PDB file of all heavy atoms in Angstrom:
ATOM      1  N   GLU A   1      84.913 -87.706 -29.673  1.00  0.00           N
ATOM      2  CA  GLU A   1      85.243 -88.928 -30.411  1.00  0.00           C
ATOM      3  C   GLU A   1      86.236 -88.696 -31.551  1.00  0.00           C
ATOM      4  O   GLU A   1      86.906 -89.622 -31.992  1.00  0.00           O
ATOM      5  CB  GLU A   1      83.971 -89.562 -30.982  1.00  0.00           C
ATOM      6  CG  GLU A   1      82.972 -89.967 -29.921  1.00  0.00           C
ATOM      7  CD  GLU A   1      83.519 -91.023 -28.980  1.00  0.00           C
ATOM      8  OE1 GLU A   1      84.204 -91.953 -29.441  1.00  0.00           O
ATOM      9  OE2 GLU A   1      83.270 -90.900 -27.772  1.00  0.00           O
ATOM     10  N   ARG A   2      86.318 -87.463 -32.065  1.00  0.00           N
ATOM     11  CA  ARG A   2      87.202 -87.219 -33.205  1.00  0.00           C
ATOM     12  C   ARG A   2      87.942 -85.889 -33.145  1.00  0.00           C
ATOM     13  O   ARG A   2      88.709 -85.556 -34.044  1.00  0.00           O
ATOM     14  CB  ARG A   2      86.421 -87.313 -34.511  1.00  0.00           C
ATOM     15  CG  ARG A   2      85.312 -86.290 -34.626  1.00  0.00           C
ATOM     16  CD  ARG A   2      84.448 -86.527 -35.861  1.00  0.00           C
ATOM     17  NE  ARG A   2      83.430 -85.500 -35.942  1.00  0.00           N
ATOM     18  CZ  ARG A   2      83.323 -84.638 -36.927  1.00  0.00           C
ATOM     19  NH1 ARG A   2      84.141 -84.694 -37.951  1.00  0.00           N
ATOM     20  NH2 ARG A   2      82.385 -83.723 -36.919  1.00  0.00           N
ATOM     21  N   GLY A   3      87.770 -85.139 -32.092  1.00  0.00           N
ATOM     22  CA  GLY A   3      88.380 -83.821 -31.989  1.00  0.00           C
ATOM     23  C   GLY A   3      89.682 -83.795 -31.218  1.00  0.00           C
ATOM     24  O   GLY A   3      90.470 -84.748 -31.249  1.00  0.00           O
ATOM     25  N   ALA A   4      89.894 -82.701 -30.508  1.00  0.00           N
ATOM     26  CA  ALA A   4      91.152 -82.485 -29.789  1.00  0.00           C
ATOM     27  C   ALA A   4      91.416 -83.572 -28.752  1.00  0.00           C
ATOM     28  O   ALA A   4      92.551 -84.033 -28.604  1.00  0.00           O
ATOM     29  CB  ALA A   4      91.145 -81.110 -29.124  1.00  0.00           C
ATOM     30  N   ALA A   5      90.382 -84.016 -28.046  1.00  0.00           N
ATOM     31  CA  ALA A   5      90.574 -85.057 -27.026  1.00  0.00           C
ATOM     32  C   ALA A   5      91.062 -86.358 -27.666  1.00  0.00           C
ATOM     33  O   ALA A   5      91.970 -87.016 -27.149  1.00  0.00           O
ATOM     34  CB  ALA A   5      89.274 -85.298 -26.265  1.00  0.00           C
ATOM     35  N   ALA A   6      90.458 -86.741 -28.781  1.00  0.00           N
ATOM     36  CA  ALA A   6      90.876 -87.968 -29.476  1.00  0.00           C
ATOM     37  C   ALA A   6      92.289 -87.817 -30.030  1.00  0.00           C
ATOM     38  O   ALA A   6      93.086 -88.752 -29.981  1.00  0.00           O
ATOM     39  CB  ALA A   6      89.894 -88.296 -30.596  1.00  0.00           C
ATOM     40  N   LEU A   7      92.607 -86.643 -30.553  1.00  0.00           N
ATOM     41  CA  LEU A   7      93.943 -86.392 -31.083  1.00  0.00           C
ATOM     42  C   LEU A   7      94.987 -86.564 -29.980  1.00  0.00           C
ATOM     43  O   LEU A   7      95.985 -87.272 -30.156  1.00  0.00           O
ATOM     44  CB  LEU A   7      94.025 -84.981 -31.669  1.00  0.00           C
ATOM     45  CG  LEU A   7      95.366 -84.588 -32.275  1.00  0.00           C
ATOM     46  CD1 LEU A   7      95.638 -85.385 -33.541  1.00  0.00           C
ATOM     47  CD2 LEU A   7      95.405 -83.103 -32.567  1.00  0.00           C
ATOM     48  N   LEU A   8      94.740 -85.957 -28.823  1.00  0.00           N
ATOM     49  CA  LEU A   8      95.698 -86.043 -27.718  1.00  0.00           C
ATOM     50  C   LEU A   8      95.817 -87.462 -27.172  1.00  0.00           C
ATOM     51  O   LEU A   8      96.913 -87.908 -26.832  1.00  0.00           O
ATOM     52  CB  LEU A   8      95.301 -85.088 -26.597  1.00  0.00           C
ATOM     53  CG  LEU A   8      95.430 -83.601 -26.922  1.00  0.00           C
ATOM     54  CD1 LEU A   8      94.886 -82.764 -25.774  1.00  0.00           C
ATOM     55  CD2 LEU A   8      96.861 -83.217 -27.229  1.00  0.00           C
ATOM     56  N   SER A   9      94.708 -88.186 -27.102  1.00  0.00           N
ATOM     57  CA  SER A   9      94.769 -89.544 -26.555  1.00  0.00           C
ATOM     58  C   SER A   9      95.524 -90.496 -27.475  1.00  0.00           C
ATOM     59  O   SER A   9      96.012 -91.531 -27.027  1.00  0.00           O
ATOM     60  CB  SER A   9      93.364 -90.085 -26.277  1.00  0.00           C
ATOM     61  OG  SER A   9      92.673 -90.328 -27.479  1.00  0.00           O
ATOM     62  N   GLY A  10      95.666 -90.146 -28.748  1.00  0.00           N
ATOM     63  CA  GLY A  10      96.411 -90.982 -29.685  1.00  0.00           C
ATOM     64  C   GLY A  10      97.866 -90.601 -29.839  1.00  0.00           C
ATOM     65  O   GLY A  10      98.617 -91.248 -30.563  1.00  0.00           O
ATOM     66  N   ALA A  11      98.294 -89.545 -29.145  1.00  0.00           N
ATOM     67  CA  ALA A  11      99.682 -89.071 -29.275  1.00  0.00           C
ATOM     68  C   ALA A  11     100.672 -90.156 -28.865  1.00  0.00           C
ATOM     69  O   ALA A  11     100.427 -90.933 -27.950  1.00  0.00           O
ATOM     70  CB  ALA A  11      99.885 -87.822 -28.429  1.00  0.00           C
ATOM     71  N   ASP A  12     101.789 -90.191 -29.561  1.00  0.00           N
ATOM     72  CA  ASP A  12     102.822 -91.187 -29.312  1.00  0.00           C
ATOM     73  C   ASP A  12     104.159 -90.475 -29.143  1.00  0.00           C
ATOM     74  O   ASP A  12     104.382 -89.416 -29.716  1.00  0.00           O
ATOM     75  CB  ASP A  12     102.877 -92.152 -30.505  1.00  0.00           C
ATOM     76  CG  ASP A  12     103.733 -93.373 -30.234  1.00  0.00           C
ATOM     77  OD1 ASP A  12     103.877 -93.767 -29.063  1.00  0.00           O
ATOM     78  OD2 ASP A  12     104.270 -93.928 -31.208  1.00  0.00           O
ATOM     79  N   GLN A  13     105.035 -91.050 -28.380  1.00  0.00           N
ATOM     80  CA  GLN A  13     106.391 -90.541 -28.183  1.00  0.00           C
ATOM     81  C   GLN A  13     106.400 -89.118 -27.628  1.00  0.00           C
ATOM     82  O   GLN A  13     107.203 -88.289 -28.021  1.00  0.00           O
ATOM     83  CB  GLN A  13     107.185 -90.600 -29.492  1.00  0.00           C
ATOM     84  CG  GLN A  13     107.287 -91.988 -30.073  1.00  0.00           C
ATOM     85  CD  GLN A  13     107.904 -92.013 -31.456  1.00  0.00           C
ATOM     86  OE1 GLN A  13     108.136 -90.981 -32.068  1.00  0.00           O
ATOM     87  NE2 GLN A  13     108.155 -93.200 -31.947  1.00  0.00           N
ATOM     88  N   GLY A  14     105.484 -88.844 -26.696  1.00  0.00           N
ATOM     89  CA  GLY A  14     105.417 -87.514 -26.092  1.00  0.00           C
ATOM     90  C   GLY A  14     106.613 -87.232 -25.203  1.00  0.00           C
ATOM     91  O   GLY A  14     107.033 -88.078 -24.421  1.00  0.00           O
ATOM     92  N   THR A  15     107.158 -86.033 -25.350  1.00  0.00           N
ATOM     93  CA  THR A  15     108.305 -85.604 -24.559  1.00  0.00           C
ATOM     94  C   THR A  15     108.070 -84.182 -24.077  1.00  0.00           C
ATOM     95  O   THR A  15     107.868 -83.280 -24.898  1.00  0.00           O
ATOM     96  CB  THR A  15     109.593 -85.636 -25.405  1.00  0.00           C
ATOM     97  OG1 THR A  15     109.775 -86.933 -25.931  1.00  0.00           O
ATOM     98  CG2 THR A  15     110.794 -85.250 -24.577  1.00  0.00           C
ATOM     99  N   THR A  16     108.089 -83.985 -22.773  1.00  0.00           N
ATOM    100  CA  THR A  16     107.955 -82.633 -22.236  1.00  0.00           C
ATOM    101  C   THR A  16     109.255 -81.886 -22.497  1.00  0.00           C
ATOM    102  O   THR A  16     110.321 -82.334 -22.103  1.00  0.00           O
ATOM    103  CB  THR A  16     107.644 -82.662 -20.730  1.00  0.00           C
ATOM    104  OG1 THR A  16     106.453 -83.421 -20.526  1.00  0.00           O
ATOM    105  CG2 THR A  16     107.465 -81.258 -20.180  1.00  0.00           C
ATOM    106  N   GLU A  17     109.131 -80.756 -23.177  1.00  0.00           N
ATOM    107  CA  GLU A  17     110.311 -79.986 -23.575  1.00  0.00           C
ATOM    108  C   GLU A  17     110.581 -78.784 -22.670  1.00  0.00           C
ATOM    109  O   GLU A  17     111.727 -78.396 -22.484  1.00  0.00           O
ATOM    110  CB  GLU A  17     110.152 -79.487 -25.015  1.00  0.00           C
ATOM    111  CG  GLU A  17     110.053 -80.581 -26.029  1.00  0.00           C
ATOM    112  CD  GLU A  17     109.905 -80.056 -27.440  1.00  0.00           C
ATOM    113  OE1 GLU A  17     109.305 -78.974 -27.640  1.00  0.00           O
ATOM    114  OE2 GLU A  17     110.384 -80.727 -28.364  1.00  0.00           O
ATOM    115  N   ALA A  18     109.507 -78.158 -22.168  1.00  0.00           N
ATOM    116  CA  ALA A  18     109.691 -76.934 -21.387  1.00  0.00           C
ATOM    117  C   ALA A  18     108.406 -76.590 -20.652  1.00  0.00           C
ATOM    118  O   ALA A  18     107.364 -77.199 -20.888  1.00  0.00           O
ATOM    119  CB  ALA A  18     110.084 -75.774 -22.300  1.00  0.00           C
ATOM    120  N   ARG A  19     108.522 -75.591 -19.802  1.00  0.00           N
ATOM    121  CA  ARG A  19     107.358 -75.000 -19.150  1.00  0.00           C
ATOM    122  C   ARG A  19     107.416 -73.526 -19.513  1.00  0.00           C
ATOM    123  O   ARG A  19     108.437 -72.865 -19.272  1.00  0.00           O
ATOM    124  CB  ARG A  19     107.435 -75.220 -17.643  1.00  0.00           C
ATOM    125  CG  ARG A  19     106.199 -74.785 -16.912  1.00  0.00           C
ATOM    126  CD  ARG A  19     106.232 -75.288 -15.479  1.00  0.00           C
ATOM    127  NE  ARG A  19     105.031 -74.862 -14.784  1.00  0.00           N
ATOM    128  CZ  ARG A  19     104.631 -75.388 -13.640  1.00  0.00           C
ATOM    129  NH1 ARG A  19     105.350 -76.334 -13.064  1.00  0.00           N
ATOM    130  NH2 ARG A  19     103.533 -74.960 -13.064  1.00  0.00           N
ATOM    131  N   GLU A  20     106.334 -73.012 -20.095  1.00  0.00           N
ATOM    132  CA  GLU A  20     106.342 -71.624 -20.558  1.00  0.00           C
ATOM    133  C   GLU A  20     104.924 -71.062 -20.576  1.00  0.00           C
ATOM    134  O   GLU A  20     103.957 -71.819 -20.486  1.00  0.00           O
ATOM    135  CB  GLU A  20     106.978 -71.520 -21.948  1.00  0.00           C
ATOM    136  CG  GLU A  20     106.322 -72.384 -23.001  1.00  0.00           C
ATOM    137  CD  GLU A  20     107.156 -72.537 -24.259  1.00  0.00           C
ATOM    138  OE1 GLU A  20     108.385 -72.385 -24.205  1.00  0.00           O
ATOM    139  OE2 GLU A  20     106.567 -72.808 -25.310  1.00  0.00           O
ATOM    140  N   ALA A  21     104.819 -69.749 -20.711  1.00  0.00           N
ATOM    141  CA  ALA A  21     103.518 -69.089 -20.757  1.00  0.00           C
ATOM    142  C   ALA A  21     103.011 -69.031 -22.193  1.00  0.00           C
ATOM    143  O   ALA A  21     103.759 -68.714 -23.112  1.00  0.00           O
ATOM    144  CB  ALA A  21     103.621 -67.686 -20.189  1.00  0.00           C
ATOM    145  N   VAL A  22     101.741 -69.362 -22.354  1.00  0.00           N
ATOM    146  CA  VAL A  22     101.067 -69.254 -23.650  1.00  0.00           C
ATOM    147  C   VAL A  22      99.779 -68.476 -23.424  1.00  0.00           C
ATOM    148  O   VAL A  22      98.908 -68.919 -22.677  1.00  0.00           O
ATOM    149  CB  VAL A  22     100.743 -70.649 -24.239  1.00  0.00           C
ATOM    150  CG1 VAL A  22      99.971 -70.511 -25.538  1.00  0.00           C
ATOM    151  CG2 VAL A  22     101.997 -71.461 -24.442  1.00  0.00           C
ATOM    152  N   GLU A  23      99.679 -67.308 -24.031  1.00  0.00           N
ATOM    153  CA  GLU A  23      98.495 -66.460 -23.864  1.00  0.00           C
ATOM    154  C   GLU A  23      98.206 -66.225 -22.378  1.00  0.00           C
ATOM    155  O   GLU A  23      97.057 -66.248 -21.948  1.00  0.00           O
ATOM    156  CB  GLU A  23      97.283 -67.094 -24.554  1.00  0.00           C
ATOM    157  CG  GLU A  23      97.451 -67.365 -26.031  1.00  0.00           C
ATOM    158  CD  GLU A  23      97.490 -66.100 -26.873  1.00  0.00           C
ATOM    159  OE1 GLU A  23      96.675 -65.195 -26.616  1.00  0.00           O
ATOM    160  OE2 GLU A  23      98.332 -66.028 -27.784  1.00  0.00           O
ATOM    161  N   GLY A  24      99.269 -66.063 -21.584  1.00  0.00           N
ATOM    162  CA  GLY A  24      99.119 -65.791 -20.161  1.00  0.00           C
ATOM    163  C   GLY A  24      98.853 -67.013 -19.293  1.00  0.00           C
ATOM    164  O   GLY A  24      98.603 -66.894 -18.101  1.00  0.00           O
ATOM    165  N   VAL A  25      98.910 -68.212 -19.876  1.00  0.00           N
ATOM    166  CA  VAL A  25      98.660 -69.449 -19.140  1.00  0.00           C
ATOM    167  C   VAL A  25      99.972 -70.198 -18.965  1.00  0.00           C
ATOM    168  O   VAL A  25     100.711 -70.399 -19.929  1.00  0.00           O
ATOM    169  CB  VAL A  25      97.651 -70.340 -19.914  1.00  0.00           C
ATOM    170  CG1 VAL A  25      97.468 -71.681 -19.229  1.00  0.00           C
ATOM    171  CG2 VAL A  25      96.320 -69.623 -20.079  1.00  0.00           C
ATOM    172  N   ASP A  26     100.266 -70.610 -17.725  1.00  0.00           N
ATOM    173  CA  ASP A  26     101.447 -71.420 -17.442  1.00  0.00           C
ATOM    174  C   ASP A  26     101.211 -72.810 -18.027  1.00  0.00           C
ATOM    175  O   ASP A  26     100.234 -73.477 -17.668  1.00  0.00           O
ATOM    176  CB  ASP A  26     101.667 -71.491 -15.928  1.00  0.00           C
ATOM    177  CG  ASP A  26     102.909 -72.261 -15.547  1.00  0.00           C
ATOM    178  OD1 ASP A  26     103.897 -72.245 -16.310  1.00  0.00           O
ATOM    179  OD2 ASP A  26     102.897 -72.892 -14.474  1.00  0.00           O
ATOM    180  N   ALA A  27     102.071 -73.237 -18.954  1.00  0.00           N
ATOM    181  CA  ALA A  27     101.811 -74.483 -19.682  1.00  0.00           C
ATOM    182  C   ALA A  27     103.074 -75.297 -19.895  1.00  0.00           C
ATOM    183  O   ALA A  27     104.184 -74.769 -19.906  1.00  0.00           O
ATOM    184  CB  ALA A  27     101.186 -74.158 -21.038  1.00  0.00           C
ATOM    185  N   TYR A  28     102.872 -76.614 -20.059  1.00  0.00           N
ATOM    186  CA  TYR A  28     103.949 -77.522 -20.448  1.00  0.00           C
ATOM    187  C   TYR A  28     103.934 -77.654 -21.968  1.00  0.00           C
ATOM    188  O   TYR A  28     102.878 -77.875 -22.560  1.00  0.00           O
ATOM    189  CB  TYR A  28     103.743 -78.906 -19.838  1.00  0.00           C
ATOM    190  CG  TYR A  28     103.862 -78.926 -18.342  1.00  0.00           C
ATOM    191  CD1 TYR A  28     102.743 -79.067 -17.543  1.00  0.00           C
ATOM    192  CD2 TYR A  28     105.109 -78.810 -17.729  1.00  0.00           C
ATOM    193  CE1 TYR A  28     102.848 -79.093 -16.162  1.00  0.00           C
ATOM    194  CE2 TYR A  28     105.221 -78.831 -16.347  1.00  0.00           C
ATOM    195  CZ  TYR A  28     104.085 -78.969 -15.573  1.00  0.00           C
ATOM    196  OH  TYR A  28     104.201 -78.987 -14.204  1.00  0.00           O
ATOM    197  N   ARG A  29     105.103 -77.530 -22.586  1.00  0.00           N
ATOM    198  CA  ARG A  29     105.241 -77.747 -24.034  1.00  0.00           C
ATOM    199  C   ARG A  29     105.662 -79.203 -24.233  1.00  0.00           C
ATOM    200  O   ARG A  29     106.687 -79.639 -23.713  1.00  0.00           O
ATOM    201  CB  ARG A  29     106.280 -76.803 -24.630  1.00  0.00           C
ATOM    202  CG  ARG A  29     106.399 -76.959 -26.148  1.00  0.00           C
ATOM    203  CD  ARG A  29     107.401 -75.998 -26.737  1.00  0.00           C
ATOM    204  NE  ARG A  29     108.745 -76.439 -26.381  1.00  0.00           N
ATOM    205  CZ  ARG A  29     109.761 -75.624 -26.152  1.00  0.00           C
ATOM    206  NH1 ARG A  29     109.621 -74.319 -26.213  1.00  0.00           N
ATOM    207  NH2 ARG A  29     110.947 -76.107 -25.853  1.00  0.00           N
ATOM    208  N   VAL A  30     104.843 -79.946 -24.981  1.00  0.00           N
ATOM    209  CA  VAL A  30     105.076 -81.374 -25.182  1.00  0.00           C
ATOM    210  C   VAL A  30     105.129 -81.666 -26.685  1.00  0.00           C
ATOM    211  O   VAL A  30     104.185 -81.381 -27.415  1.00  0.00           O
ATOM    212  CB  VAL A  30     103.952 -82.221 -24.538  1.00  0.00           C
ATOM    213  CG1 VAL A  30     104.200 -83.700 -24.755  1.00  0.00           C
ATOM    214  CG2 VAL A  30     103.827 -81.899 -23.056  1.00  0.00           C
ATOM    215  N   ALA A  31     106.245 -82.235 -27.132  1.00  0.00           N
ATOM    216  CA  ALA A  31     106.375 -82.665 -28.534  1.00  0.00           C
ATOM    217  C   ALA A  31     105.891 -84.101 -28.624  1.00  0.00           C
ATOM    218  O   ALA A  31     106.114 -84.908 -27.713  1.00  0.00           O
ATOM    219  CB  ALA A  31     107.832 -82.572 -28.980  1.00  0.00           C
ATOM    220  N   ALA A  32     105.211 -84.429 -29.719  1.00  0.00           N
ATOM    221  CA  ALA A  32     104.680 -85.784 -29.894  1.00  0.00           C
ATOM    222  C   ALA A  32     104.445 -86.050 -31.372  1.00  0.00           C
ATOM    223  O   ALA A  32     104.534 -85.153 -32.212  1.00  0.00           O
ATOM    224  CB  ALA A  32     103.376 -85.950 -29.114  1.00  0.00           C
ATOM    225  N   THR A  33     104.126 -87.298 -31.663  1.00  0.00           N
ATOM    226  CA  THR A  33     103.717 -87.701 -33.008  1.00  0.00           C
ATOM    227  C   THR A  33     102.251 -88.107 -32.924  1.00  0.00           C
ATOM    228  O   THR A  33     101.854 -88.812 -31.994  1.00  0.00           O
ATOM    229  CB  THR A  33     104.568 -88.886 -33.505  1.00  0.00           C
ATOM    230  OG1 THR A  33     105.942 -88.481 -33.497  1.00  0.00           O
ATOM    231  CG2 THR A  33     104.171 -89.301 -34.905  1.00  0.00           C
ATOM    232  N   PHE A  34     101.460 -87.657 -33.880  1.00  0.00           N
ATOM    233  CA  PHE A  34     100.027 -87.912 -33.875  1.00  0.00           C
ATOM    234  C   PHE A  34      99.659 -88.831 -35.034  1.00  0.00           C
ATOM    235  O   PHE A  34     100.093 -88.614 -36.167  1.00  0.00           O
ATOM    236  CB  PHE A  34      99.265 -86.587 -33.960  1.00  0.00           C
ATOM    237  CG  PHE A  34      99.569 -85.685 -32.796  1.00  0.00           C
ATOM    238  CD1 PHE A  34     100.605 -84.760 -32.882  1.00  0.00           C
ATOM    239  CD2 PHE A  34      98.877 -85.793 -31.621  1.00  0.00           C
ATOM    240  CE1 PHE A  34     100.920 -83.952 -31.796  1.00  0.00           C
ATOM    241  CE2 PHE A  34      99.183 -84.987 -30.527  1.00  0.00           C
ATOM    242  CZ  PHE A  34     100.206 -84.075 -30.618  1.00  0.00           C
ATOM    243  N   PRO A  35      98.847 -89.874 -34.771  1.00  0.00           N
ATOM    244  CA  PRO A  35      98.498 -90.845 -35.805  1.00  0.00           C
ATOM    245  C   PRO A  35      97.699 -90.205 -36.940  1.00  0.00           C
ATOM    246  O   PRO A  35      96.840 -89.349 -36.711  1.00  0.00           O
ATOM    247  CB  PRO A  35      97.640 -91.881 -35.078  1.00  0.00           C
ATOM    248  CG  PRO A  35      97.675 -91.549 -33.647  1.00  0.00           C
ATOM    249  CD  PRO A  35      98.234 -90.174 -33.496  1.00  0.00           C
ATOM    250  N   ALA A  36      97.979 -90.643 -38.148  1.00  0.00           N
ATOM    251  CA  ALA A  36      97.319 -90.099 -39.337  1.00  0.00           C
ATOM    252  C   ALA A  36      95.807 -90.175 -39.238  1.00  0.00           C
ATOM    253  O   ALA A  36      95.105 -89.220 -39.579  1.00  0.00           O
ATOM    254  CB  ALA A  36      97.807 -90.835 -40.585  1.00  0.00           C
ATOM    255  N   GLU A  37      95.278 -91.311 -38.754  1.00  0.00           N
ATOM    256  CA  GLU A  37      93.824 -91.456 -38.713  1.00  0.00           C
ATOM    257  C   GLU A  37      93.169 -90.472 -37.748  1.00  0.00           C
ATOM    258  O   GLU A  37      92.042 -90.032 -37.979  1.00  0.00           O
ATOM    259  CB  GLU A  37      93.415 -92.897 -38.389  1.00  0.00           C
ATOM    260  CG  GLU A  37      93.877 -93.417 -37.055  1.00  0.00           C
ATOM    261  CD  GLU A  37      95.277 -94.004 -37.051  1.00  0.00           C
ATOM    262  OE1 GLU A  37      95.981 -93.982 -38.084  1.00  0.00           O
ATOM    263  OE2 GLU A  37      95.693 -94.495 -35.992  1.00  0.00           O
ATOM    264  N   ARG A  38      93.868 -90.074 -36.692  1.00  0.00           N
ATOM    265  CA  ARG A  38      93.318 -89.081 -35.749  1.00  0.00           C
ATOM    266  C   ARG A  38      93.385 -87.677 -36.344  1.00  0.00           C
ATOM    267  O   ARG A  38      92.462 -86.889 -36.210  1.00  0.00           O
ATOM    268  CB  ARG A  38      94.065 -89.121 -34.422  1.00  0.00           C
ATOM    269  CG  ARG A  38      94.017 -90.450 -33.701  1.00  0.00           C
ATOM    270  CD  ARG A  38      92.724 -90.624 -32.908  1.00  0.00           C
ATOM    271  NE  ARG A  38      92.631 -91.931 -32.320  1.00  0.00           N
ATOM    272  CZ  ARG A  38      92.743 -92.182 -31.028  1.00  0.00           C
ATOM    273  NH1 ARG A  38      92.966 -91.203 -30.178  1.00  0.00           N
ATOM    274  NH2 ARG A  38      92.615 -93.412 -30.581  1.00  0.00           N
ATOM    275  N   VAL A  39      94.496 -87.367 -37.011  1.00  0.00           N
ATOM    276  CA  VAL A  39      94.643 -86.042 -37.623  1.00  0.00           C
ATOM    277  C   VAL A  39      93.672 -85.899 -38.792  1.00  0.00           C
ATOM    278  O   VAL A  39      93.062 -84.843 -38.985  1.00  0.00           O
ATOM    279  CB  VAL A  39      96.096 -85.807 -38.092  1.00  0.00           C
ATOM    280  CG1 VAL A  39      96.226 -84.451 -38.784  1.00  0.00           C
ATOM    281  CG2 VAL A  39      97.060 -85.896 -36.915  1.00  0.00           C
ATOM    282  N   ALA A  40      93.475 -86.969 -39.558  1.00  0.00           N
ATOM    283  CA  ALA A  40      92.614 -86.921 -40.752  1.00  0.00           C
ATOM    284  C   ALA A  40      91.159 -86.610 -40.415  1.00  0.00           C
ATOM    285  O   ALA A  40      90.432 -86.094 -41.271  1.00  0.00           O
ATOM    286  CB  ALA A  40      92.708 -88.232 -41.520  1.00  0.00           C
ATOM    287  N   THR A  41      90.719 -86.882 -39.198  1.00  0.00           N
ATOM    288  CA  THR A  41      89.344 -86.524 -38.838  1.00  0.00           C
ATOM    289  C   THR A  41      89.171 -85.011 -38.736  1.00  0.00           C
ATOM    290  O   THR A  41      88.072 -84.505 -38.874  1.00  0.00           O
ATOM    291  CB  THR A  41      88.903 -87.177 -37.513  1.00  0.00           C
ATOM    292  OG1 THR A  41      89.718 -86.701 -36.456  1.00  0.00           O
ATOM    293  CG2 THR A  41      88.958 -88.689 -37.597  1.00  0.00           C
TER     294      THR A  41
END
């Protein structure tokens, strides 16, 4: 209700920038803006 899942569901203006490895995991890098009320939790 207030953690990472809520933060991601509130993301706005998401743009996929690249595909790269993070800690050995193949991942998409996505830039976005996160609402203040979601981050503040």
